Protein backbone atom coordinates (compact mmCIF):
# COMPACT_ATOMS: atom_id res chain seq x y z
CA MET A 1 10.44 2.99 -21.31
CA GLY A 2 12.10 4.50 -24.61
CA LYS A 3 10.69 6.73 -27.16
CA SER A 4 11.38 3.81 -29.66
CA ASN A 5 8.75 1.64 -28.04
CA LEU A 6 6.14 4.16 -28.40
CA GLU A 7 3.69 4.51 -31.35
CA ASN A 8 0.93 6.91 -31.56
CA ILE A 9 -2.34 5.79 -33.04
CA GLN A 10 -5.85 7.34 -33.53
CA ILE A 11 -8.42 5.18 -32.14
CA THR A 12 -12.35 5.68 -31.90
CA VAL A 13 -14.17 4.13 -28.79
CA MET A 14 -17.73 4.39 -26.97
CA LYS A 15 -17.66 7.49 -25.24
CA LYS A 16 -18.14 5.63 -22.38
CA THR A 17 -14.38 4.23 -23.16
CA ALA A 18 -13.06 7.21 -23.21
CA ARG A 19 -14.87 8.46 -19.89
CA ASP A 20 -13.66 5.55 -18.17
CA LEU A 21 -9.80 5.52 -19.71
CA ARG A 22 -9.75 9.13 -18.52
CA LYS A 23 -10.96 8.09 -15.27
CA ILE A 24 -8.39 5.23 -15.26
CA ALA A 25 -5.72 7.52 -15.71
CA LYS A 26 -6.55 10.48 -13.33
CA GLU A 27 -6.46 7.99 -10.77
CA THR A 28 -3.50 6.03 -11.44
CA GLY A 29 -1.22 9.25 -12.83
CA LEU A 30 -0.79 7.29 -15.66
CA THR A 31 -1.17 8.89 -19.10
CA MET A 32 -4.26 7.61 -21.07
CA GLY A 33 -1.68 5.44 -23.59
CA GLU A 34 -0.01 4.15 -20.35
CA ALA A 35 -3.41 2.92 -19.02
CA VAL A 36 -4.45 0.97 -22.41
CA ASP A 37 -0.84 -0.33 -22.01
CA ARG A 38 -1.57 -1.77 -18.81
CA LEU A 39 -4.90 -2.77 -19.77
CA THR A 40 -4.19 -4.68 -22.80
CA GLU A 41 -0.76 -6.32 -21.77
CA ARG A 42 -1.75 -7.61 -18.94
CA MET A 43 2.04 -8.61 -19.13
CA THR A 44 4.05 -10.97 -16.45
CA THR A 45 7.14 -10.29 -15.35
CA THR A 46 10.15 -12.12 -13.43
CA ASP A 47 10.75 -8.35 -11.02
CA PRO A 48 8.88 -8.59 -7.79
CA GLU A 49 8.81 -4.82 -7.65
CA ILE A 50 7.17 -4.60 -11.11
CA ALA A 51 4.67 -7.26 -10.35
CA LYS A 52 3.66 -5.18 -6.63
CA ILE A 53 3.20 -2.10 -9.25
CA LEU A 54 1.19 -4.00 -11.64
CA ILE A 55 -0.80 -5.99 -8.75
CA GLN A 56 -1.19 -2.31 -7.07
CA GLU A 57 -2.60 -0.66 -9.95
CA ASP A 58 -4.96 -3.47 -10.56
CA LEU A 59 -6.64 -2.97 -7.37
CA VAL A 60 -6.78 0.78 -8.10
CA ILE A 61 -8.37 0.29 -11.75
CA ILE A 62 -10.80 -2.93 -11.56
CA PRO A 63 -12.79 -1.77 -9.00
CA VAL A 64 -13.60 1.57 -9.87
CA LYS A 65 -17.12 1.88 -10.53
CA LEU A 66 -17.53 -0.02 -7.10
CA SER A 67 -19.24 1.96 -4.20
CA ARG A 68 -16.63 2.30 -1.52
CA GLU A 69 -18.52 -0.20 0.88
CA GLN A 70 -17.76 -2.41 -2.35
CA ARG A 71 -14.67 -1.70 -2.77
CA GLU A 72 -13.96 -2.61 1.21
CA ASP A 73 -15.32 -5.52 1.22
CA VAL A 74 -13.45 -6.74 -2.49
CA PHE A 75 -10.33 -5.71 -0.84
CA LYS A 76 -11.21 -7.31 2.42
CA GLU A 77 -11.92 -10.34 1.20
CA ILE A 78 -8.20 -10.27 -1.14
CA ALA A 79 -6.50 -9.39 2.06
CA LYS A 80 -8.10 -12.55 4.06
CA SER A 81 -7.55 -14.84 0.80
CA LEU A 82 -3.68 -13.44 1.02
CA LEU A 83 -3.25 -14.34 4.44
CA MET A 84 -4.44 -17.80 4.45
CA THR A 85 -1.81 -18.54 1.82
CA PHE A 86 0.89 -17.96 4.96
CA ASP A 87 1.35 -20.05 7.90
CA PRO A 88 -0.15 -18.24 11.52
CA ASP A 89 3.24 -16.90 12.81
CA THR A 90 3.45 -15.43 9.33
CA MET A 91 0.04 -13.78 9.39
CA VAL A 92 0.69 -12.73 12.93
CA ASP A 93 3.83 -11.21 11.87
CA LEU A 94 2.26 -9.74 8.49
CA VAL A 95 -0.73 -7.65 10.72
CA GLU A 96 1.70 -6.41 13.19
CA GLN A 97 3.82 -5.09 10.30
CA ALA A 98 0.79 -3.60 8.75
CA LYS A 99 -0.15 -1.70 11.67
CA VAL A 100 3.13 -0.10 12.49
CA GLU A 101 2.89 0.98 9.11
CA GLN A 102 -0.30 2.57 9.36
CA GLN A 103 0.75 4.08 12.00
CA GLU A 104 4.21 5.59 10.48
CA GLN A 105 1.72 6.65 7.98
CA LEU A 106 -0.63 8.62 10.46
CA ASP A 107 2.37 10.14 11.72
CA GLU A 108 3.38 11.28 8.48
CA LEU A 109 0.34 12.81 8.19
CA SER A 110 0.29 14.81 11.33
CA SER A 111 3.49 16.23 10.81
CA MET A 112 2.44 17.49 7.13
CA SER A 113 2.05 21.36 6.09
CA ASP A 114 -1.66 22.86 5.87
CA GLY A 115 -1.10 23.34 2.49
CA ASP A 116 0.01 19.65 1.70
CA LEU A 117 -3.00 18.49 3.44
CA PHE A 118 -5.10 20.35 1.51
CA GLN A 119 -3.44 19.65 -1.59
CA MET A 120 -3.95 15.62 -0.31
CA LEU A 121 -7.50 16.44 0.33
CA ASP A 122 -8.14 18.03 -2.96
CA SER A 123 -6.64 14.51 -4.12
CA TYR A 124 -9.00 12.55 -2.05
CA ARG A 125 -12.12 14.64 -3.35
CA GLU A 126 -11.25 13.73 -7.25
CA MET A 127 -10.67 9.70 -5.81
CA THR A 128 -14.08 9.67 -4.45
CA GLU A 129 -15.84 10.91 -7.75
CA PHE A 130 -15.95 7.42 -8.73
CA ASP A 131 -17.93 6.52 -5.52
CA ASN A 132 -21.83 5.63 -7.36
C-alpha cells in the first residue's frame, strides 16, 4: 500500500481492545494499523490470492481467544464444511494433497538447523500465550 493511502490517527480504546490489537498484530505479523484495517474493512476482492490471505488471517484472528482444543474443533468443522462443497473424488484428491504437503513440511522441519528450530519453538511459545 502506498504512503498516500495512509493516515496517522490517534484513537482511544478500551484497555482490553488495545491488548487484543497488540496480540492480533503479534500473532499475524501485521502492524497494529494493518490489523485495524483488516478488522474494519472486511474487504472483498476479485484477486484469489488476496482472498486466500484474508481468509487465512481470519482463521488466526477470529478464534484467538479460544483454547487450543476449541480452535481444533472449529477448524475441523470448517474443514468438513469446505470439503462438502466438492464432489467425492475431489474430496479424496484434496485430502491426499494435504497429506503430501504435510509430509513435505515435516521433512522441511527435520532438515532445519537447531538455531532455526529453537527460533520456531520460541515463536510457537508466543502463539500459545493465546490459550485460555
